[in-house]
Amino acid sequence: AGFRVLFEARWIHRPAGPPAVAPEL
């Protein structure tokens, strides 16, 4: 159909829950 691949990536997932590192902002 006249397309080329622009880029490839991966879906990502993180379970619900607090971050391991507290934010500074």
mmCIF file of all heavy atoms, coordinates in Angstrom:
data_MODEL
# 
_entry.id   MODEL 
# 
loop_
_atom_site.group_PDB 
_atom_site.id 
_atom_site.type_symbol 
_atom_site.label_atom_id 
_atom_site.label_alt_id 
_atom_site.label_comp_id 
_atom_site.label_asym_id 
_atom_site.label_entity_id 
_atom_site.label_seq_id 
_atom_site.pdbx_PDB_ins_code 
_atom_site.Cartn_x 
_atom_site.Cartn_y 
_atom_site.Cartn_z 
_atom_site.occupancy 
_atom_site.B_iso_or_equiv 
_atom_site.pdbx_formal_charge 
_atom_site.auth_seq_id 
_atom_site.auth_comp_id 
_atom_site.auth_asym_id 
_atom_site.auth_atom_id 
_atom_site.pdbx_PDB_model_num 
ATOM 1   N N   . ALA A 1 1  ? 0.821  -1.212 0.000  1.00 0.00 ? 1  ALA A N   1 
ATOM 2   C CA  . ALA A 1 1  ? 0.000  0.000  0.000  1.00 0.00 ? 1  ALA A CA  1 
ATOM 3   C C   . ALA A 1 1  ? 0.856  1.263  0.000  1.00 0.00 ? 1  ALA A C   1 
ATOM 4   O O   . ALA A 1 1  ? 0.322  2.372  0.115  1.00 0.00 ? 1  ALA A O   1 
ATOM 5   C CB  . ALA A 1 1  ? -0.942 0.000  1.202  1.00 0.00 ? 1  ALA A CB  1 
ATOM 6   N N   . GLY A 1 2  ? 2.178  1.124  -0.126 1.00 0.00 ? 2  GLY A N   1 
ATOM 7   C CA  . GLY A 1 2  ? 3.056  2.293  -0.198 1.00 0.00 ? 2  GLY A CA  1 
ATOM 8   C C   . GLY A 1 2  ? 3.571  2.785  1.136  1.00 0.00 ? 2  GLY A C   1 
ATOM 9   O O   . GLY A 1 2  ? 3.983  3.946  1.245  1.00 0.00 ? 2  GLY A O   1 
ATOM 10  N N   . PHE A 1 3  ? 3.579  1.929  2.145  1.00 0.00 ? 3  PHE A N   1 
ATOM 11  C CA  . PHE A 1 3  ? 4.058  2.323  3.475  1.00 0.00 ? 3  PHE A CA  1 
ATOM 12  C C   . PHE A 1 3  ? 5.442  1.728  3.733  1.00 0.00 ? 3  PHE A C   1 
ATOM 13  O O   . PHE A 1 3  ? 5.813  0.705  3.159  1.00 0.00 ? 3  PHE A O   1 
ATOM 14  C CB  . PHE A 1 3  ? 3.101  1.819  4.564  1.00 0.00 ? 3  PHE A CB  1 
ATOM 15  C CG  . PHE A 1 3  ? 1.807  2.576  4.669  1.00 0.00 ? 3  PHE A CG  1 
ATOM 16  C CD1 . PHE A 1 3  ? 0.779  2.328  3.767  1.00 0.00 ? 3  PHE A CD1 1 
ATOM 17  C CD2 . PHE A 1 3  ? 1.604  3.509  5.679  1.00 0.00 ? 3  PHE A CD2 1 
ATOM 18  C CE1 . PHE A 1 3  ? -0.431 3.011  3.870  1.00 0.00 ? 3  PHE A CE1 1 
ATOM 19  C CE2 . PHE A 1 3  ? 0.403  4.185  5.788  1.00 0.00 ? 3  PHE A CE2 1 
ATOM 20  C CZ  . PHE A 1 3  ? -0.616 3.946  4.880  1.00 0.00 ? 3  PHE A CZ  1 
ATOM 21  N N   . ARG A 1 4  ? 6.167  2.389  4.618  1.00 0.00 ? 4  ARG A N   1 
ATOM 22  C CA  . ARG A 1 4  ? 7.415  1.851  5.152  1.00 0.00 ? 4  ARG A CA  1 
ATOM 23  C C   . ARG A 1 4  ? 7.378  1.974  6.670  1.00 0.00 ? 4  ARG A C   1 
ATOM 24  O O   . ARG A 1 4  ? 6.642  2.798  7.224  1.00 0.00 ? 4  ARG A O   1 
ATOM 25  C CB  . ARG A 1 4  ? 8.624  2.613  4.597  1.00 0.00 ? 4  ARG A CB  1 
ATOM 26  C CG  . ARG A 1 4  ? 8.656  4.087  4.943  1.00 0.00 ? 4  ARG A CG  1 
ATOM 27  C CD  . ARG A 1 4  ? 9.931  4.751  4.440  1.00 0.00 ? 4  ARG A CD  1 
ATOM 28  N NE  . ARG A 1 4  ? 9.924  6.190  4.647  1.00 0.00 ? 4  ARG A NE  1 
ATOM 29  C CZ  . ARG A 1 4  ? 10.270 6.799  5.782  1.00 0.00 ? 4  ARG A CZ  1 
ATOM 30  N NH1 . ARG A 1 4  ? 10.652 6.065  6.833  1.00 0.00 ? 4  ARG A NH1 1 
ATOM 31  N NH2 . ARG A 1 4  ? 10.237 8.117  5.877  1.00 0.00 ? 4  ARG A NH2 1 
ATOM 32  N N   . VAL A 1 5  ? 8.163  1.143  7.345  1.00 0.00 ? 5  VAL A N   1 
ATOM 33  C CA  . VAL A 1 5  ? 8.192  1.192  8.807  1.00 0.00 ? 5  VAL A CA  1 
ATOM 34  C C   . VAL A 1 5  ? 8.928  2.457  9.247  1.00 0.00 ? 5  VAL A C   1 
ATOM 35  O O   . VAL A 1 5  ? 10.084 2.684  8.872  1.00 0.00 ? 5  VAL A O   1 
ATOM 36  C CB  . VAL A 1 5  ? 8.873  -0.056 9.392  1.00 0.00 ? 5  VAL A CB  1 
ATOM 37  C CG1 . VAL A 1 5  ? 9.016  0.071  10.908 1.00 0.00 ? 5  VAL A CG1 1 
ATOM 38  C CG2 . VAL A 1 5  ? 8.083  -1.315 9.035  1.00 0.00 ? 5  VAL A CG2 1 
ATOM 39  N N   . LEU A 1 6  ? 8.240  3.274  10.046 1.00 0.00 ? 6  LEU A N   1 
ATOM 40  C CA  . LEU A 1 6  ? 8.852  4.500  10.577 1.00 0.00 ? 6  LEU A CA  1 
ATOM 41  C C   . LEU A 1 6  ? 9.664  4.198  11.822 1.00 0.00 ? 6  LEU A C   1 
ATOM 42  O O   . LEU A 1 6  ? 10.796 4.664  11.973 1.00 0.00 ? 6  LEU A O   1 
ATOM 43  C CB  . LEU A 1 6  ? 7.762  5.531  10.885 1.00 0.00 ? 6  LEU A CB  1 
ATOM 44  C CG  . LEU A 1 6  ? 8.215  6.884  11.415 1.00 0.00 ? 6  LEU A CG  1 
ATOM 45  C CD1 . LEU A 1 6  ? 9.079  7.603  10.384 1.00 0.00 ? 6  LEU A CD1 1 
ATOM 46  C CD2 . LEU A 1 6  ? 7.002  7.747  11.790 1.00 0.00 ? 6  LEU A CD2 1 
ATOM 47  N N   . PHE A 1 7  ? 9.074  3.444  12.752 1.00 0.00 ? 7  PHE A N   1 
ATOM 48  C CA  . PHE A 1 7  ? 9.819  2.997  13.926 1.00 0.00 ? 7  PHE A CA  1 
ATOM 49  C C   . PHE A 1 7  ? 9.117  1.806  14.553 1.00 0.00 ? 7  PHE A C   1 
ATOM 50  O O   . PHE A 1 7  ? 7.949  1.522  14.263 1.00 0.00 ? 7  PHE A O   1 
ATOM 51  C CB  . PHE A 1 7  ? 10.018 4.124  14.961 1.00 0.00 ? 7  PHE A CB  1 
ATOM 52  C CG  . PHE A 1 7  ? 8.761  4.581  15.656 1.00 0.00 ? 7  PHE A CG  1 
ATOM 53  C CD1 . PHE A 1 7  ? 8.288  3.931  16.786 1.00 0.00 ? 7  PHE A CD1 1 
ATOM 54  C CD2 . PHE A 1 7  ? 8.058  5.688  15.190 1.00 0.00 ? 7  PHE A CD2 1 
ATOM 55  C CE1 . PHE A 1 7  ? 7.132  4.365  17.434 1.00 0.00 ? 7  PHE A CE1 1 
ATOM 56  C CE2 . PHE A 1 7  ? 6.908  6.136  15.830 1.00 0.00 ? 7  PHE A CE2 1 
ATOM 57  C CZ  . PHE A 1 7  ? 6.445  5.460  16.957 1.00 0.00 ? 7  PHE A CZ  1 
ATOM 58  N N   . GLU A 1 8  ? 9.845  1.111  15.411 1.00 0.00 ? 8  GLU A N   1 
ATOM 59  C CA  . GLU A 1 8  ? 9.310  -0.007 16.181 1.00 0.00 ? 8  GLU A CA  1 
ATOM 60  C C   . GLU A 1 8  ? 9.469  0.293  17.659 1.00 0.00 ? 8  GLU A C   1 
ATOM 61  O O   . GLU A 1 8  ? 10.384 1.022  18.065 1.00 0.00 ? 8  GLU A O   1 
ATOM 62  C CB  . GLU A 1 8  ? 10.018 -1.309 15.811 1.00 0.00 ? 8  GLU A CB  1 
ATOM 63  C CG  . GLU A 1 8  ? 9.833  -1.696 14.347 1.00 0.00 ? 8  GLU A CG  1 
ATOM 64  C CD  . GLU A 1 8  ? 10.474 -3.025 14.014 1.00 0.00 ? 8  GLU A CD  1 
ATOM 65  O OE1 . GLU A 1 8  ? 11.397 -3.438 14.747 1.00 0.00 ? 8  GLU A OE1 1 
ATOM 66  O OE2 . GLU A 1 8  ? 10.042 -3.655 13.031 1.00 0.00 ? 8  GLU A OE2 1 
ATOM 67  N N   . ALA A 1 9  ? 8.584  -0.258 18.488 1.00 0.00 ? 9  ALA A N   1 
ATOM 68  C CA  . ALA A 1 9  ? 8.617  -0.001 19.921 1.00 0.00 ? 9  ALA A CA  1 
ATOM 69  C C   . ALA A 1 9  ? 8.031  -1.209 20.639 1.00 0.00 ? 9  ALA A C   1 
ATOM 70  O O   . ALA A 1 9  ? 7.654  -2.206 20.010 1.00 0.00 ? 9  ALA A O   1 
ATOM 71  C CB  . ALA A 1 9  ? 7.842  1.273  20.257 1.00 0.00 ? 9  ALA A CB  1 
ATOM 72  N N   . ARG A 1 10 ? 7.964  -1.092 21.956 1.00 0.00 ? 10 ARG A N   1 
ATOM 73  C CA  . ARG A 1 10 ? 7.363  -2.160 22.766 1.00 0.00 ? 10 ARG A CA  1 
ATOM 74  C C   . ARG A 1 10 ? 6.321  -1.556 23.690 1.00 0.00 ? 10 ARG A C   1 
ATOM 75  O O   . ARG A 1 10 ? 6.513  -0.486 24.272 1.00 0.00 ? 10 ARG A O   1 
ATOM 76  C CB  . ARG A 1 10 ? 8.438  -2.855 23.621 1.00 0.00 ? 10 ARG A CB  1 
ATOM 77  C CG  . ARG A 1 10 ? 9.496  -3.583 22.829 1.00 0.00 ? 10 ARG A CG  1 
ATOM 78  C CD  . ARG A 1 10 ? 8.970  -4.838 22.176 1.00 0.00 ? 10 ARG A CD  1 
ATOM 79  N NE  . ARG A 1 10 ? 8.574  -5.857 23.127 1.00 0.00 ? 10 ARG A NE  1 
ATOM 80  C CZ  . ARG A 1 10 ? 9.391  -6.781 23.623 1.00 0.00 ? 10 ARG A CZ  1 
ATOM 81  N NH1 . ARG A 1 10 ? 10.675 -6.797 23.272 1.00 0.00 ? 10 ARG A NH1 1 
ATOM 82  N NH2 . ARG A 1 10 ? 8.947  -7.688 24.472 1.00 0.00 ? 10 ARG A NH2 1 
ATOM 83  N N   . TRP A 1 11 ? 5.208  -2.262 23.811 1.00 0.00 ? 11 TRP A N   1 
ATOM 84  C CA  . TRP A 1 11 ? 4.251  -1.913 24.851 1.00 0.00 ? 11 TRP A CA  1 
ATOM 85  C C   . TRP A 1 11 ? 4.885  -2.199 26.203 1.00 0.00 ? 11 TRP A C   1 
ATOM 86  O O   . TRP A 1 11 ? 5.677  -3.146 26.347 1.00 0.00 ? 11 TRP A O   1 
ATOM 87  C CB  . TRP A 1 11 ? 2.968  -2.725 24.702 1.00 0.00 ? 11 TRP A CB  1 
ATOM 88  C CG  . TRP A 1 11 ? 2.192  -2.435 23.454 1.00 0.00 ? 11 TRP A CG  1 
ATOM 89  C CD1 . TRP A 1 11 ? 2.070  -3.239 22.365 1.00 0.00 ? 11 TRP A CD1 1 
ATOM 90  C CD2 . TRP A 1 11 ? 1.428  -1.256 23.174 1.00 0.00 ? 11 TRP A CD2 1 
ATOM 91  N NE1 . TRP A 1 11 ? 1.283  -2.642 21.408 1.00 0.00 ? 11 TRP A NE1 1 
ATOM 92  C CE2 . TRP A 1 11 ? 0.868  -1.428 21.880 1.00 0.00 ? 11 TRP A CE2 1 
ATOM 93  C CE3 . TRP A 1 11 ? 1.160  -0.079 23.870 1.00 0.00 ? 11 TRP A CE3 1 
ATOM 94  C CZ2 . TRP A 1 11 ? 0.072  -0.463 21.274 1.00 0.00 ? 11 TRP A CZ2 1 
ATOM 95  C CZ3 . TRP A 1 11 ? 0.359  0.886  23.277 1.00 0.00 ? 11 TRP A CZ3 1 
ATOM 96  C CH2 . TRP A 1 11 ? -0.181 0.684  22.000 1.00 0.00 ? 11 TRP A CH2 1 
ATOM 97  N N   . ILE A 1 12 ? 4.547  -1.395 27.204 1.00 0.00 ? 12 ILE A N   1 
ATOM 98  C CA  . ILE A 1 12 ? 5.092  -1.580 28.548 1.00 0.00 ? 12 ILE A CA  1 
ATOM 99  C C   . ILE A 1 12 ? 3.952  -1.642 29.548 1.00 0.00 ? 12 ILE A C   1 
ATOM 100 O O   . ILE A 1 12 ? 2.839  -1.149 29.311 1.00 0.00 ? 12 ILE A O   1 
ATOM 101 C CB  . ILE A 1 12 ? 6.075  -0.454 28.931 1.00 0.00 ? 12 ILE A CB  1 
ATOM 102 C CG1 . ILE A 1 12 ? 5.396  0.920  28.848 1.00 0.00 ? 12 ILE A CG1 1 
ATOM 103 C CG2 . ILE A 1 12 ? 7.319  -0.514 28.048 1.00 0.00 ? 12 ILE A CG2 1 
ATOM 104 C CD1 . ILE A 1 12 ? 6.246  2.063  29.399 1.00 0.00 ? 12 ILE A CD1 1 
ATOM 105 N N   . HIS A 1 13 ? 4.243  -2.253 30.699 1.00 0.00 ? 13 HIS A N   1 
ATOM 106 C CA  . HIS A 1 13 ? 3.219  -2.442 31.740 1.00 0.00 ? 13 HIS A CA  1 
ATOM 107 C C   . HIS A 1 13 ? 3.877  -2.385 33.107 1.00 0.00 ? 13 HIS A C   1 
ATOM 108 O O   . HIS A 1 13 ? 4.983  -2.896 33.307 1.00 0.00 ? 13 HIS A O   1 
ATOM 109 C CB  . HIS A 1 13 ? 2.538  -3.803 31.560 1.00 0.00 ? 13 HIS A CB  1 
ATOM 110 C CG  . HIS A 1 13 ? 1.859  -4.308 32.804 1.00 0.00 ? 13 HIS A CG  1 
ATOM 111 N ND1 . HIS A 1 13 ? 2.365  -5.343 33.557 1.00 0.00 ? 13 HIS A ND1 1 
ATOM 112 C CD2 . HIS A 1 13 ? 0.729  -3.891 33.415 1.00 0.00 ? 13 HIS A CD2 1 
ATOM 113 C CE1 . HIS A 1 13 ? 1.572  -5.553 34.582 1.00 0.00 ? 13 HIS A CE1 1 
ATOM 114 N NE2 . HIS A 1 13 ? 0.567  -4.699 34.530 1.00 0.00 ? 13 HIS A NE2 1 
ATOM 115 N N   . ARG A 1 14 ? 3.167  -1.753 34.027 1.00 0.00 ? 14 ARG A N   1 
ATOM 116 C CA  . ARG A 1 14 ? 3.562  -1.767 35.438 1.00 0.00 ? 14 ARG A CA  1 
ATOM 117 C C   . ARG A 1 14 ? 2.314  -2.011 36.263 1.00 0.00 ? 14 ARG A C   1 
ATOM 118 O O   . ARG A 1 14 ? 1.297  -1.338 36.059 1.00 0.00 ? 14 ARG A O   1 
ATOM 119 C CB  . ARG A 1 14 ? 4.209  -0.446 35.839 1.00 0.00 ? 14 ARG A CB  1 
ATOM 120 C CG  . ARG A 1 14 ? 4.755  -0.421 37.269 1.00 0.00 ? 14 ARG A CG  1 
ATOM 121 C CD  . ARG A 1 14 ? 5.357  0.931  37.612 1.00 0.00 ? 14 ARG A CD  1 
ATOM 122 N NE  . ARG A 1 14 ? 5.971  0.943  38.917 1.00 0.00 ? 14 ARG A NE  1 
ATOM 123 C CZ  . ARG A 1 14 ? 5.317  1.118  40.067 1.00 0.00 ? 14 ARG A CZ  1 
ATOM 124 N NH1 . ARG A 1 14 ? 3.992  1.293  40.056 1.00 0.00 ? 14 ARG A NH1 1 
ATOM 125 N NH2 . ARG A 1 14 ? 5.968  1.112  41.220 1.00 0.00 ? 14 ARG A NH2 1 
ATOM 126 N N   . PRO A 1 15 ? 2.356  -2.979 37.210 1.00 0.00 ? 15 PRO A N   1 
ATOM 127 C CA  . PRO A 1 15 ? 1.174  -3.215 38.045 1.00 0.00 ? 15 PRO A CA  1 
ATOM 128 C C   . PRO A 1 15 ? 0.818  -1.985 38.874 1.00 0.00 ? 15 PRO A C   1 
ATOM 129 O O   . PRO A 1 15 ? 1.656  -1.113 39.121 1.00 0.00 ? 15 PRO A O   1 
ATOM 130 C CB  . PRO A 1 15 ? 1.599  -4.387 38.946 1.00 0.00 ? 15 PRO A CB  1 
ATOM 131 C CG  . PRO A 1 15 ? 2.780  -5.006 38.272 1.00 0.00 ? 15 PRO A CG  1 
ATOM 132 C CD  . PRO A 1 15 ? 3.463  -3.887 37.539 1.00 0.00 ? 15 PRO A CD  1 
ATOM 133 N N   . ALA A 1 16 ? -0.432 -1.917 39.300 1.00 0.00 ? 16 ALA A N   1 
ATOM 134 C CA  . ALA A 1 16 ? -0.849 -0.836 40.192 1.00 0.00 ? 16 ALA A CA  1 
ATOM 135 C C   . ALA A 1 16 ? -0.015 -0.881 41.469 1.00 0.00 ? 16 ALA A C   1 
ATOM 136 O O   . ALA A 1 16 ? 0.349  -1.948 41.963 1.00 0.00 ? 16 ALA A O   1 
ATOM 137 C CB  . ALA A 1 16 ? -2.332 -0.984 40.521 1.00 0.00 ? 16 ALA A CB  1 
ATOM 138 N N   . GLY A 1 17 ? 0.301  0.292  42.001 1.00 0.00 ? 17 GLY A N   1 
ATOM 139 C CA  . GLY A 1 17 ? 1.078  0.352  43.230 1.00 0.00 ? 17 GLY A CA  1 
ATOM 140 C C   . GLY A 1 17 ? 1.923  1.598  43.282 1.00 0.00 ? 17 GLY A C   1 
ATOM 141 O O   . GLY A 1 17 ? 2.132  2.272  42.273 1.00 0.00 ? 17 GLY A O   1 
ATOM 142 N N   . PRO A 1 18 ? 2.441  1.931  44.461 1.00 0.00 ? 18 PRO A N   1 
ATOM 143 C CA  . PRO A 1 18 ? 3.257  3.150  44.612 1.00 0.00 ? 18 PRO A CA  1 
ATOM 144 C C   . PRO A 1 18 ? 4.617  2.976  43.960 1.00 0.00 ? 18 PRO A C   1 
ATOM 145 O O   . PRO A 1 18 ? 5.094  1.856  43.750 1.00 0.00 ? 18 PRO A O   1 
ATOM 146 C CB  . PRO A 1 18 ? 3.388  3.287  46.131 1.00 0.00 ? 18 PRO A CB  1 
ATOM 147 C CG  . PRO A 1 18 ? 3.271  1.881  46.641 1.00 0.00 ? 18 PRO A CG  1 
ATOM 148 C CD  . PRO A 1 18 ? 2.298  1.195  45.731 1.00 0.00 ? 18 PRO A CD  1 
ATOM 149 N N   . PRO A 1 19 ? 5.280  4.098  43.630 1.00 0.00 ? 19 PRO A N   1 
ATOM 150 C CA  . PRO A 1 19 ? 6.629  4.008  43.043 1.00 0.00 ? 19 PRO A CA  1 
ATOM 151 C C   . PRO A 1 19 ? 7.636  3.550  44.085 1.00 0.00 ? 19 PRO A C   1 
ATOM 152 O O   . PRO A 1 19 ? 7.456  3.740  45.291 1.00 0.00 ? 19 PRO A O   1 
ATOM 153 C CB  . PRO A 1 19 ? 6.906  5.442  42.589 1.00 0.00 ? 19 PRO A CB  1 
ATOM 154 C CG  . PRO A 1 19 ? 6.074  6.290  43.504 1.00 0.00 ? 19 PRO A CG  1 
ATOM 155 C CD  . PRO A 1 19 ? 4.828  5.490  43.773 1.00 0.00 ? 19 PRO A CD  1 
ATOM 156 N N   . ALA A 1 20 ? 8.697  2.924  43.592 1.00 0.00 ? 20 ALA A N   1 
ATOM 157 C CA  . ALA A 1 20 ? 9.749  2.478  44.504 1.00 0.00 ? 20 ALA A CA  1 
ATOM 158 C C   . ALA A 1 20 ? 10.567 3.650  45.021 1.00 0.00 ? 20 ALA A C   1 
ATOM 159 O O   . ALA A 1 20 ? 11.156 3.573  46.102 1.00 0.00 ? 20 ALA A O   1 
ATOM 160 C CB  . ALA A 1 20 ? 10.652 1.471  43.798 1.00 0.00 ? 20 ALA A CB  1 
ATOM 161 N N   . VAL A 1 21 ? 10.623 4.746  44.234 1.00 0.00 ? 21 VAL A N   1 
ATOM 162 C CA  . VAL A 1 21 ? 11.402 5.927  44.599 1.00 0.00 ? 21 VAL A CA  1 
ATOM 163 C C   . VAL A 1 21 ? 10.454 7.107  44.767 1.00 0.00 ? 21 VAL A C   1 
ATOM 164 O O   . VAL A 1 21 ? 9.616  7.367  43.900 1.00 0.00 ? 21 VAL A O   1 
ATOM 165 C CB  . VAL A 1 21 ? 12.453 6.240  43.515 1.00 0.00 ? 21 VAL A CB  1 
ATOM 166 C CG1 . VAL A 1 21 ? 13.236 7.497  43.877 1.00 0.00 ? 21 VAL A CG1 1 
ATOM 167 C CG2 . VAL A 1 21 ? 13.389 5.053  43.320 1.00 0.00 ? 21 VAL A CG2 1 
ATOM 168 N N   . ALA A 1 22 ? 10.570 7.833  45.871 1.00 0.00 ? 22 ALA A N   1 
ATOM 169 C CA  . ALA A 1 22 ? 9.714  8.987  46.106 1.00 0.00 ? 22 ALA A CA  1 
ATOM 170 C C   . ALA A 1 22 ? 10.107 10.127 45.169 1.00 0.00 ? 22 ALA A C   1 
ATOM 171 O O   . ALA A 1 22 ? 11.291 10.343 44.917 1.00 0.00 ? 22 ALA A O   1 
ATOM 172 C CB  . ALA A 1 22 ? 9.830  9.444  47.555 1.00 0.00 ? 22 ALA A CB  1 
ATOM 173 N N   . PRO A 1 23 ? 9.118  10.860 44.650 1.00 0.00 ? 23 PRO A N   1 
ATOM 174 C CA  . PRO A 1 23 ? 9.439  11.974 43.750 1.00 0.00 ? 23 PRO A CA  1 
ATOM 175 C C   . PRO A 1 23 ? 10.038 13.146 44.505 1.00 0.00 ? 23 PRO A C   1 
ATOM 176 O O   . PRO A 1 23 ? 9.739  13.373 45.678 1.00 0.00 ? 23 PRO A O   1 
ATOM 177 C CB  . PRO A 1 23 ? 8.084  12.341 43.160 1.00 0.00 ? 23 PRO A CB  1 
ATOM 178 C CG  . PRO A 1 23 ? 7.090  11.939 44.205 1.00 0.00 ? 23 PRO A CG  1 
ATOM 179 C CD  . PRO A 1 23 ? 7.673  10.697 44.847 1.00 0.00 ? 23 PRO A CD  1 
ATOM 180 N N   . GLU A 1 24 ? 10.883 13.893 43.795 1.00 0.00 ? 24 GLU A N   1 
ATOM 181 C CA  . GLU A 1 24 ? 11.484 15.080 44.383 1.00 0.00 ? 24 GLU A CA  1 
ATOM 182 C C   . GLU A 1 24 ? 10.717 16.348 44.017 1.00 0.00 ? 24 GLU A C   1 
ATOM 183 O O   . GLU A 1 24 ? 10.990 17.413 44.575 1.00 0.00 ? 24 GLU A O   1 
ATOM 184 C CB  . GLU A 1 24 ? 12.942 15.213 43.913 1.00 0.00 ? 24 GLU A CB  1 
ATOM 185 C CG  . GLU A 1 24 ? 13.826 14.058 44.351 1.00 0.00 ? 24 GLU A CG  1 
ATOM 186 C CD  . GLU A 1 24 ? 15.257 14.215 43.885 1.00 0.00 ? 24 GLU A CD  1 
ATOM 187 O OE1 . GLU A 1 24 ? 15.533 15.209 43.176 1.00 0.00 ? 24 GLU A OE1 1 
ATOM 188 O OE2 . GLU A 1 24 ? 16.091 13.361 44.224 1.00 0.00 ? 24 GLU A OE2 1 
ATOM 189 N N   . LEU A 1 25 ? 9.774  16.252 43.096 1.00 0.00 ? 25 LEU A N   1 
ATOM 190 C CA  . LEU A 1 25 ? 9.043  17.410 42.601 1.00 0.00 ? 25 LEU A CA  1 
ATOM 191 C C   . LEU A 1 25 ? 7.592  17.360 43.053 1.00 0.00 ? 25 LEU A C   1 
ATOM 192 O O   . LEU A 1 25 ? 7.001  16.289 43.200 1.00 0.00 ? 25 LEU A O   1 
ATOM 193 C CB  . LEU A 1 25 ? 9.081  17.444 41.071 1.00 0.00 ? 25 LEU A CB  1 
ATOM 194 C CG  . LEU A 1 25 ? 10.448 17.457 40.401 1.00 0.00 ? 25 LEU A CG  1 
ATOM 195 C CD1 . LEU A 1 25 ? 10.284 17.268 38.897 1.00 0.00 ? 25 LEU A CD1 1 
ATOM 196 C CD2 . LEU A 1 25 ? 11.164 18.764 40.706 1.00 0.00 ? 25 LEU A CD2 1 
# 
